[in-house]
Amino acid sequence: MVEPILHSLPRIPQRQEKLWQVAQELEAVFLTEMLKSAGLGETPEGFGGGPGEDQFSSFLIREQAGAMVEAGGLGLAEQLYQSLLEREK
């Protein structure tokens, strides 16, 4: 038996929640790159923490960007979310 197409589509609230999560993730990625460009996480010349610090600084920057988004961010996630909702119509 073939399932109707409507049963395979996600419900609207679930779909909107997924779009919101995607929009927040995109803002976090954007903020991560901006923080890297600003020099956050770079080891100062005189006080280097070694190769381990360099390897894990990207994780720290990513978490900081995620925390910024959860605290409201730049408003980019909201704009992305609205754009994604418009595309769904």
PDB file of N, CA and C in Angstrom:
ATOM      1  N   MET A   1       0.841  -1.183   0.000  1.00  0.00           N
ATOM      2  CA  MET A   1       0.000   0.000   0.000  1.00  0.00           C
ATOM      3  C   MET A   1       0.888   1.249   0.000  1.00  0.00           C
ATOM      4  N   VAL A   2       0.481   2.256  -0.731  1.00  0.00           N
ATOM      5  CA  VAL A   2       1.228   3.508  -0.826  1.00  0.00           C
ATOM      6  C   VAL A   2       0.658   4.498   0.176  1.00  0.00           C
ATOM      7  N   GLU A   3       1.556   5.088   0.964  1.00  0.00           N
ATOM      8  CA  GLU A   3       1.134   6.090   1.936  1.00  0.00           C
ATOM      9  C   GLU A   3       0.818   7.397   1.234  1.00  0.00           C
ATOM     10  N   PRO A   4      -0.233   8.089   1.658  1.00  0.00           N
ATOM     11  CA  PRO A   4      -0.508   9.401   1.065  1.00  0.00           C
ATOM     12  C   PRO A   4       0.654  10.361   1.307  1.00  0.00           C
ATOM     13  N   ILE A   5       0.840  11.263   0.379  1.00  0.00           N
ATOM     14  CA  ILE A   5       1.948  12.219   0.456  1.00  0.00           C
ATOM     15  C   ILE A   5       1.851  13.086   1.708  1.00  0.00           C
ATOM     16  N   LEU A   6       0.648  13.467   2.081  1.00  0.00           N
ATOM     17  CA  LEU A   6       0.480  14.355   3.232  1.00  0.00           C
ATOM     18  C   LEU A   6       1.020  13.746   4.522  1.00  0.00           C
ATOM     19  N   HIS A   7       0.989  12.423   4.637  1.00  0.00           N
ATOM     20  CA  HIS A   7       1.499  11.790   5.850  1.00  0.00           C
ATOM     21  C   HIS A   7       3.023  11.863   5.935  1.00  0.00           C
ATOM     22  N   SER A   8       3.686  11.973   4.802  1.00  0.00           N
ATOM     23  CA  SER A   8       5.149  12.005   4.817  1.00  0.00           C
ATOM     24  C   SER A   8       5.715  13.408   5.029  1.00  0.00           C
ATOM     25  N   LEU A   9       4.886  14.436   4.879  1.00  0.00           N
ATOM     26  CA  LEU A   9       5.350  15.810   5.085  1.00  0.00           C
ATOM     27  C   LEU A   9       5.362  16.142   6.574  1.00  0.00           C
ATOM     28  N   PRO A  10       6.370  16.882   7.025  1.00  0.00           N
ATOM     29  CA  PRO A  10       6.385  17.270   8.442  1.00  0.00           C
ATOM     30  C   PRO A  10       5.236  18.219   8.751  1.00  0.00           C
ATOM     31  N   ARG A  11       4.770  18.155   9.985  1.00  0.00           N
ATOM     32  CA  ARG A  11       3.717  19.083  10.384  1.00  0.00           C
ATOM     33  C   ARG A  11       4.271  20.506  10.385  1.00  0.00           C
ATOM     34  N   ILE A  12       3.406  21.477  10.211  1.00  0.00           N
ATOM     35  CA  ILE A  12       3.827  22.877  10.088  1.00  0.00           C
ATOM     36  C   ILE A  12       4.651  23.343  11.293  1.00  0.00           C
ATOM     37  N   PRO A  13       4.202  23.143  12.535  1.00  0.00           N
ATOM     38  CA  PRO A  13       5.029  23.622  13.656  1.00  0.00           C
ATOM     39  C   PRO A  13       6.416  22.981  13.681  1.00  0.00           C
ATOM     40  N   GLN A  14       6.502  21.697  13.352  1.00  0.00           N
ATOM     41  CA  GLN A  14       7.811  21.042  13.319  1.00  0.00           C
ATOM     42  C   GLN A  14       8.674  21.657  12.230  1.00  0.00           C
ATOM     43  N   ARG A  15       8.067  21.930  11.099  1.00  0.00           N
ATOM     44  CA  ARG A  15       8.812  22.518   9.978  1.00  0.00           C
ATOM     45  C   ARG A  15       9.309  23.912  10.355  1.00  0.00           C
ATOM     46  N   GLN A  16       8.458  24.702  10.995  1.00  0.00           N
ATOM     47  CA  GLN A  16       8.864  26.049  11.399  1.00  0.00           C
ATOM     48  C   GLN A  16       9.968  25.994  12.447  1.00  0.00           C
ATOM     49  N   GLU A  17       9.894  25.033  13.358  1.00  0.00           N
ATOM     50  CA  GLU A  17      10.948  24.865  14.365  1.00  0.00           C
ATOM     51  C   GLU A  17      12.270  24.516  13.690  1.00  0.00           C
ATOM     52  N   LYS A  18      12.215  23.647  12.694  1.00  0.00           N
ATOM     53  CA  LYS A  18      13.428  23.261  11.965  1.00  0.00           C
ATOM     54  C   LYS A  18      14.007  24.476  11.223  1.00  0.00           C
ATOM     55  N   LEU A  19      13.149  25.284  10.609  1.00  0.00           N
ATOM     56  CA  LEU A  19      13.625  26.491   9.921  1.00  0.00           C
ATOM     57  C   LEU A  19      14.289  27.449  10.905  1.00  0.00           C
ATOM     58  N   TRP A  20      13.713  27.590  12.097  1.00  0.00           N
ATOM     59  CA  TRP A  20      14.294  28.470  13.113  1.00  0.00           C
ATOM     60  C   TRP A  20      15.665  27.952  13.545  1.00  0.00           C
ATOM     61  N   GLN A  21      15.784  26.642  13.725  1.00  0.00           N
ATOM     62  CA  GLN A  21      17.071  26.056  14.102  1.00  0.00           C
ATOM     63  C   GLN A  21      18.117  26.278  13.013  1.00  0.00           C
ATOM     64  N   VAL A  22      17.713  26.120  11.762  1.00  0.00           N
ATOM     65  CA  VAL A  22      18.634  26.338  10.639  1.00  0.00           C
ATOM     66  C   VAL A  22      19.071  27.799  10.595  1.00  0.00           C
ATOM     67  N   ALA A  23      18.133  28.716  10.795  1.00  0.00           N
ATOM     68  CA  ALA A  23      18.459  30.144  10.783  1.00  0.00           C
ATOM     69  C   ALA A  23      19.436  30.487  11.908  1.00  0.00           C
ATOM     70  N   GLN A  24      19.224  29.921  13.089  1.00  0.00           N
ATOM     71  CA  GLN A  24      20.140  30.169  14.202  1.00  0.00           C
ATOM     72  C   GLN A  24      21.517  29.579  13.919  1.00  0.00           C
ATOM     73  N   GLU A  25      21.547  28.415  13.316  1.00  0.00           N
ATOM     74  CA  GLU A  25      22.828  27.785  12.983  1.00  0.00           C
ATOM     75  C   GLU A  25      23.597  28.633  11.968  1.00  0.00           C
ATOM     76  N   LEU A  26      22.893  29.170  10.979  1.00  0.00           N
ATOM     77  CA  LEU A  26      23.553  30.030   9.990  1.00  0.00           C
ATOM     78  C   LEU A  26      24.115  31.292  10.638  1.00  0.00           C
ATOM     79  N   GLU A  27      23.355  31.881  11.569  1.00  0.00           N
ATOM     80  CA  GLU A  27      23.868  33.062  12.266  1.00  0.00           C
ATOM     81  C   GLU A  27      25.092  32.698  13.105  1.00  0.00           C
ATOM     82  N   ALA A  28      25.067  31.535  13.740  1.00  0.00           N
ATOM     83  CA  ALA A  28      26.211  31.102  14.548  1.00  0.00           C
ATOM     84  C   ALA A  28      27.450  30.899  13.678  1.00  0.00           C
ATOM     85  N   VAL A  29      27.271  30.322  12.501  1.00  0.00           N
ATOM     86  CA  VAL A  29      28.401  30.135  11.579  1.00  0.00           C
ATOM     87  C   VAL A  29      28.949  31.492  11.150  1.00  0.00           C
ATOM     88  N   PHE A  30      28.054  32.422  10.839  1.00  0.00           N
ATOM     89  CA  PHE A  30      28.471  33.770  10.453  1.00  0.00           C
ATOM     90  C   PHE A  30      29.258  34.439  11.585  1.00  0.00           C
ATOM     91  N   LEU A  31      28.721  34.363  12.803  1.00  0.00           N
ATOM     92  CA  LEU A  31      29.410  34.971  13.946  1.00  0.00           C
ATOM     93  C   LEU A  31      30.748  34.299  14.225  1.00  0.00           C
ATOM     94  N   THR A  32      30.823  32.994  14.027  1.00  0.00           N
ATOM     95  CA  THR A  32      32.090  32.284  14.208  1.00  0.00           C
ATOM     96  C   THR A  32      33.151  32.852  13.285  1.00  0.00           C
ATOM     97  N   GLU A  33      32.796  33.037  12.034  1.00  0.00           N
ATOM     98  CA  GLU A  33      33.756  33.580  11.066  1.00  0.00           C
ATOM     99  C   GLU A  33      34.121  35.020  11.395  1.00  0.00           C
ATOM    100  N   MET A  34      33.152  35.798  11.852  1.00  0.00           N
ATOM    101  CA  MET A  34      33.437  37.186  12.231  1.00  0.00           C
ATOM    102  C   MET A  34      34.382  37.236  13.438  1.00  0.00           C
ATOM    103  N   LEU A  35      34.158  36.370  14.411  1.00  0.00           N
ATOM    104  CA  LEU A  35      35.032  36.336  15.591  1.00  0.00           C
ATOM    105  C   LEU A  35      36.443  35.890  15.223  1.00  0.00           C
ATOM    106  N   LYS A  36      36.545  34.930  14.312  1.00  0.00           N
ATOM    107  CA  LYS A  36      37.872  34.504  13.845  1.00  0.00           C
ATOM    108  C   LYS A  36      38.580  35.656  13.146  1.00  0.00           C
ATOM    109  N   SER A  37      37.841  36.380  12.301  1.00  0.00           N
ATOM    110  CA  SER A  37      38.430  37.514  11.575  1.00  0.00           C
ATOM    111  C   SER A  37      38.868  38.621  12.523  1.00  0.00           C
ATOM    112  N   ALA A  38      38.159  38.754  13.640  1.00  0.00           N
ATOM    113  CA  ALA A  38      38.505  39.780  14.625  1.00  0.00           C
ATOM    114  C   ALA A  38      39.714  39.380  15.465  1.00  0.00           C
ATOM    115  N   GLY A  39      40.166  38.136  15.311  1.00  0.00           N
ATOM    116  CA  GLY A  39      41.349  37.700  16.039  1.00  0.00           C
ATOM    117  C   GLY A  39      41.055  36.994  17.341  1.00  0.00           C
ATOM    118  N   LEU A  40      39.786  36.756  17.645  1.00  0.00           N
ATOM    119  CA  LEU A  40      39.450  36.049  18.874  1.00  0.00           C
ATOM    120  C   LEU A  40      39.991  34.629  18.790  1.00  0.00           C
ATOM    121  N   GLY A  41      40.648  34.191  19.821  1.00  0.00           N
ATOM    122  CA  GLY A  41      41.191  32.844  19.854  1.00  0.00           C
ATOM    123  C   GLY A  41      42.625  32.735  19.383  1.00  0.00           C
ATOM    124  N   GLU A  42      43.195  33.836  18.886  1.00  0.00           N
ATOM    125  CA  GLU A  42      44.599  33.801  18.476  1.00  0.00           C
ATOM    126  C   GLU A  42      45.487  33.823  19.714  1.00  0.00           C
ATOM    127  N   THR A  43      46.545  33.078  19.648  1.00  0.00           N
ATOM    128  CA  THR A  43      47.478  33.003  20.765  1.00  0.00           C
ATOM    129  C   THR A  43      48.386  34.226  20.757  1.00  0.00           C
ATOM    130  N   PRO A  44      48.473  34.949  21.876  1.00  0.00           N
ATOM    131  CA  PRO A  44      49.407  36.072  21.939  1.00  0.00           C
ATOM    132  C   PRO A  44      50.844  35.569  21.778  1.00  0.00           C
ATOM    133  N   GLU A  45      51.678  36.375  21.185  1.00  0.00           N
ATOM    134  CA  GLU A  45      53.061  35.976  20.896  1.00  0.00           C
ATOM    135  C   GLU A  45      53.825  35.503  22.124  1.00  0.00           C
ATOM    136  N   GLY A  46      53.782  36.238  23.214  1.00  0.00           N
ATOM    137  CA  GLY A  46      54.591  35.915  24.381  1.00  0.00           C
ATOM    138  C   GLY A  46      54.006  34.858  25.293  1.00  0.00           C
ATOM    139  N   PHE A  47      52.728  34.567  25.177  1.00  0.00           N
ATOM    140  CA  PHE A  47      52.065  33.671  26.125  1.00  0.00           C
ATOM    141  C   PHE A  47      51.388  32.509  25.419  1.00  0.00           C
ATOM    142  N   GLY A  48      52.070  31.885  24.506  1.00  0.00           N
ATOM    143  CA  GLY A  48      51.476  30.796  23.735  1.00  0.00           C
ATOM    144  C   GLY A  48      51.112  29.606  24.596  1.00  0.00           C
ATOM    145  N   GLY A  49      49.997  28.989  24.257  1.00  0.00           N
ATOM    146  CA  GLY A  49      49.535  27.822  24.984  1.00  0.00           C
ATOM    147  C   GLY A  49      49.890  26.537  24.282  1.00  0.00           C
ATOM    148  N   GLY A  50      50.646  26.616  23.209  1.00  0.00           N
ATOM    149  CA  GLY A  50      51.060  25.416  22.499  1.00  0.00           C
ATOM    150  C   GLY A  50      50.063  24.991  21.438  1.00  0.00           C
ATOM    151  N   PRO A  51      50.353  23.874  20.797  1.00  0.00           N
ATOM    152  CA  PRO A  51      49.501  23.410  19.697  1.00  0.00           C
ATOM    153  C   PRO A  51      48.098  23.027  20.151  1.00  0.00           C
ATOM    154  N   GLY A  52      47.944  22.578  21.375  1.00  0.00           N
ATOM    155  CA  GLY A  52      46.616  22.218  21.876  1.00  0.00           C
ATOM    156  C   GLY A  52      45.679  23.404  21.912  1.00  0.00           C
ATOM    157  N   GLU A  53      46.216  24.541  22.321  1.00  0.00           N
ATOM    158  CA  GLU A  53      45.395  25.747  22.377  1.00  0.00           C
ATOM    159  C   GLU A  53      44.931  26.138  20.984  1.00  0.00           C
ATOM    160  N   ASP A  54      45.821  26.068  20.022  1.00  0.00           N
ATOM    161  CA  ASP A  54      45.455  26.404  18.648  1.00  0.00           C
ATOM    162  C   ASP A  54      44.379  25.463  18.115  1.00  0.00           C
ATOM    163  N   GLN A  55      44.488  24.188  18.452  1.00  0.00           N
ATOM    164  CA  GLN A  55      43.528  23.208  17.956  1.00  0.00           C
ATOM    165  C   GLN A  55      42.139  23.399  18.548  1.00  0.00           C
ATOM    166  N   PHE A  56      42.074  23.754  19.819  1.00  0.00           N
ATOM    167  CA  PHE A  56      40.783  23.839  20.480  1.00  0.00           C
ATOM    168  C   PHE A  56      40.181  25.241  20.497  1.00  0.00           C
ATOM    169  N   SER A  57      40.914  26.238  20.059  1.00  0.00           N
ATOM    170  CA  SER A  57      40.365  27.595  20.059  1.00  0.00           C
ATOM    171  C   SER A  57      39.172  27.711  19.119  1.00  0.00           C
ATOM    172  N   SER A  58      39.156  26.933  18.026  1.00  0.00           N
ATOM    173  CA  SER A  58      38.018  26.989  17.104  1.00  0.00           C
ATOM    174  C   SER A  58      36.741  26.487  17.782  1.00  0.00           C
ATOM    175  N   PHE A  59      36.869  25.486  18.670  1.00  0.00           N
ATOM    176  CA  PHE A  59      35.701  24.999  19.407  1.00  0.00           C
ATOM    177  C   PHE A  59      35.176  26.070  20.356  1.00  0.00           C
ATOM    178  N   LEU A  60      36.092  26.759  21.007  1.00  0.00           N
ATOM    179  CA  LEU A  60      35.709  27.825  21.926  1.00  0.00           C
ATOM    180  C   LEU A  60      34.994  28.944  21.180  1.00  0.00           C
ATOM    181  N   ILE A  61      35.537  29.341  20.049  1.00  0.00           N
ATOM    182  CA  ILE A  61      34.921  30.409  19.258  1.00  0.00           C
ATOM    183  C   ILE A  61      33.527  29.995  18.810  1.00  0.00           C
ATOM    184  N   ARG A  62      33.380  28.741  18.384  1.00  0.00           N
ATOM    185  CA  ARG A  62      32.071  28.248  17.923  1.00  0.00           C
ATOM    186  C   ARG A  62      31.060  28.270  19.059  1.00  0.00           C
ATOM    187  N   GLU A  63      31.465  27.871  20.243  1.00  0.00           N
ATOM    188  CA  GLU A  63      30.565  27.884  21.398  1.00  0.00           C
ATOM    189  C   GLU A  63      30.201  29.311  21.802  1.00  0.00           C
ATOM    190  N   GLN A  64      31.168  30.216  21.722  1.00  0.00           N
ATOM    191  CA  GLN A  64      30.881  31.613  22.041  1.00  0.00           C
ATOM    192  C   GLN A  64      29.886  32.194  21.042  1.00  0.00           C
ATOM    193  N   ALA A  65      30.045  31.860  19.777  1.00  0.00           N
ATOM    194  CA  ALA A  65      29.108  32.330  18.757  1.00  0.00           C
ATOM    195  C   ALA A  65      27.711  31.765  19.024  1.00  0.00           C
ATOM    196  N   GLY A  66      27.633  30.492  19.396  1.00  0.00           N
ATOM    197  CA  GLY A  66      26.343  29.885  19.725  1.00  0.00           C
ATOM    198  C   GLY A  66      25.679  30.563  20.913  1.00  0.00           C
ATOM    199  N   ALA A  67      26.471  30.902  21.920  1.00  0.00           N
ATOM    200  CA  ALA A  67      25.935  31.602  23.092  1.00  0.00           C
ATOM    201  C   ALA A  67      25.434  32.992  22.712  1.00  0.00           C
ATOM    202  N   MET A  68      26.135  33.644  21.802  1.00  0.00           N
ATOM    203  CA  MET A  68      25.699  34.962  21.339  1.00  0.00           C
ATOM    204  C   MET A  68      24.351  34.863  20.630  1.00  0.00           C
ATOM    205  N   VAL A  69      24.184  33.840  19.806  1.00  0.00           N
ATOM    206  CA  VAL A  69      22.919  33.649  19.086  1.00  0.00           C
ATOM    207  C   VAL A  69      21.790  33.380  20.075  1.00  0.00           C
ATOM    208  N   GLU A  70      22.032  32.533  21.067  1.00  0.00           N
ATOM    209  CA  GLU A  70      21.010  32.228  22.072  1.00  0.00           C
ATOM    210  C   GLU A  70      20.624  33.464  22.876  1.00  0.00           C
ATOM    211  N   ALA A  71      21.552  34.395  23.033  1.00  0.00           N
ATOM    212  CA  ALA A  71      21.282  35.622  23.780  1.00  0.00           C
ATOM    213  C   ALA A  71      20.627  36.698  22.922  1.00  0.00           C
ATOM    214  N   GLY A  72      20.356  36.391  21.664  1.00  0.00           N
ATOM    215  CA  GLY A  72      19.704  37.360  20.792  1.00  0.00           C
ATOM    216  C   GLY A  72      20.487  37.657  19.538  1.00  0.00           C
ATOM    217  N   GLY A  73      21.783  37.465  19.586  1.00  0.00           N
ATOM    218  CA  GLY A  73      22.623  37.631  18.403  1.00  0.00           C
ATOM    219  C   GLY A  73      22.520  38.998  17.766  1.00  0.00           C
ATOM    220  N   LEU A  74      22.668  39.001  16.460  1.00  0.00           N
ATOM    221  CA  LEU A  74      22.618  40.235  15.678  1.00  0.00           C
ATOM    222  C   LEU A  74      21.253  40.476  15.055  1.00  0.00           C
ATOM    223  N   GLY A  75      20.355  39.524  15.212  1.00  0.00           N
ATOM    224  CA  GLY A  75      19.064  39.612  14.542  1.00  0.00           C
ATOM    225  C   GLY A  75      19.085  38.976  13.164  1.00  0.00           C
ATOM    226  N   LEU A  76      20.222  38.425  12.797  1.00  0.00           N
ATOM    227  CA  LEU A  76      20.354  37.786  11.490  1.00  0.00           C
ATOM    228  C   LEU A  76      19.488  36.536  11.401  1.00  0.00           C
ATOM    229  N   ALA A  77      19.407  35.765  12.483  1.00  0.00           N
ATOM    230  CA  ALA A  77      18.599  34.541  12.479  1.00  0.00           C
ATOM    231  C   ALA A  77      17.133  34.863  12.200  1.00  0.00           C
ATOM    232  N   GLU A  78      16.629  35.934  12.783  1.00  0.00           N
ATOM    233  CA  GLU A  78      15.230  36.321  12.554  1.00  0.00           C
ATOM    234  C   GLU A  78      14.993  36.672  11.089  1.00  0.00           C
ATOM    235  N   GLN A  79      15.923  37.411  10.500  1.00  0.00           N
ATOM    236  CA  GLN A  79      15.793  37.770   9.086  1.00  0.00           C
ATOM    237  C   GLN A  79      15.856  36.534   8.193  1.00  0.00           C
ATOM    238  N   LEU A  80      16.786  35.645   8.493  1.00  0.00           N
ATOM    239  CA  LEU A  80      16.895  34.402   7.730  1.00  0.00           C
ATOM    240  C   LEU A  80      15.636  33.561   7.882  1.00  0.00           C
ATOM    241  N   TYR A  81      15.126  33.475   9.086  1.00  0.00           N
ATOM    242  CA  TYR A  81      13.915  32.701   9.362  1.00  0.00           C
ATOM    243  C   TYR A  81      12.738  33.236   8.555  1.00  0.00           C
ATOM    244  N   GLN A  82      12.560  34.551   8.578  1.00  0.00           N
ATOM    245  CA  GLN A  82      11.458  35.146   7.813  1.00  0.00           C
ATOM    246  C   GLN A  82      11.612  34.871   6.317  1.00  0.00           C
ATOM    247  N   SER A  83      12.832  34.949   5.820  1.00  0.00           N
ATOM    248  CA  SER A  83      13.084  34.664   4.400  1.00  0.00           C
ATOM    249  C   SER A  83      12.778  33.210   4.072  1.00  0.00           C
ATOM    250  N   LEU A  84      13.172  32.306   4.951  1.00  0.00           N
ATOM    251  CA  LEU A  84      12.894  30.885   4.729  1.00  0.00           C
ATOM    252  C   LEU A  84      11.395  30.602   4.779  1.00  0.00           C
ATOM    253  N   LEU A  85      10.679  31.271   5.680  1.00  0.00           N
ATOM    254  CA  LEU A  85       9.224  31.105   5.735  1.00  0.00           C
ATOM    255  C   LEU A  85       8.568  31.582   4.445  1.00  0.00           C
ATOM    256  N   GLU A  86       9.044  32.692   3.919  1.00  0.00           N
ATOM    257  CA  GLU A  86       8.494  33.220   2.665  1.00  0.00           C
ATOM    258  C   GLU A  86       8.703  32.243   1.514  1.00  0.00           C
ATOM    259  N   ARG A  87       9.847  31.592   1.496  1.00  0.00           N
ATOM    260  CA  ARG A  87      10.131  30.619   0.435  1.00  0.00           C
ATOM    261  C   ARG A  87       9.231  29.399   0.534  1.00  0.00           C
ATOM    262  N   GLU A  88       8.755  29.099   1.742  1.00  0.00           N
ATOM    263  CA  GLU A  88       7.892  27.938   1.962  1.00  0.00           C
ATOM    264  C   GLU A  88       6.495  28.151   1.396  1.00  0.00           C
ATOM    265  N   LYS A  89       6.091  29.395   1.270  1.00  0.00           N
ATOM    266  CA  LYS A  89       4.717  29.687   0.814  1.00  0.00           C
ATOM    267  C   LYS A  89       4.553  29.432  -0.653  1.00  0.00           C
TER     268      LYS A  89
END
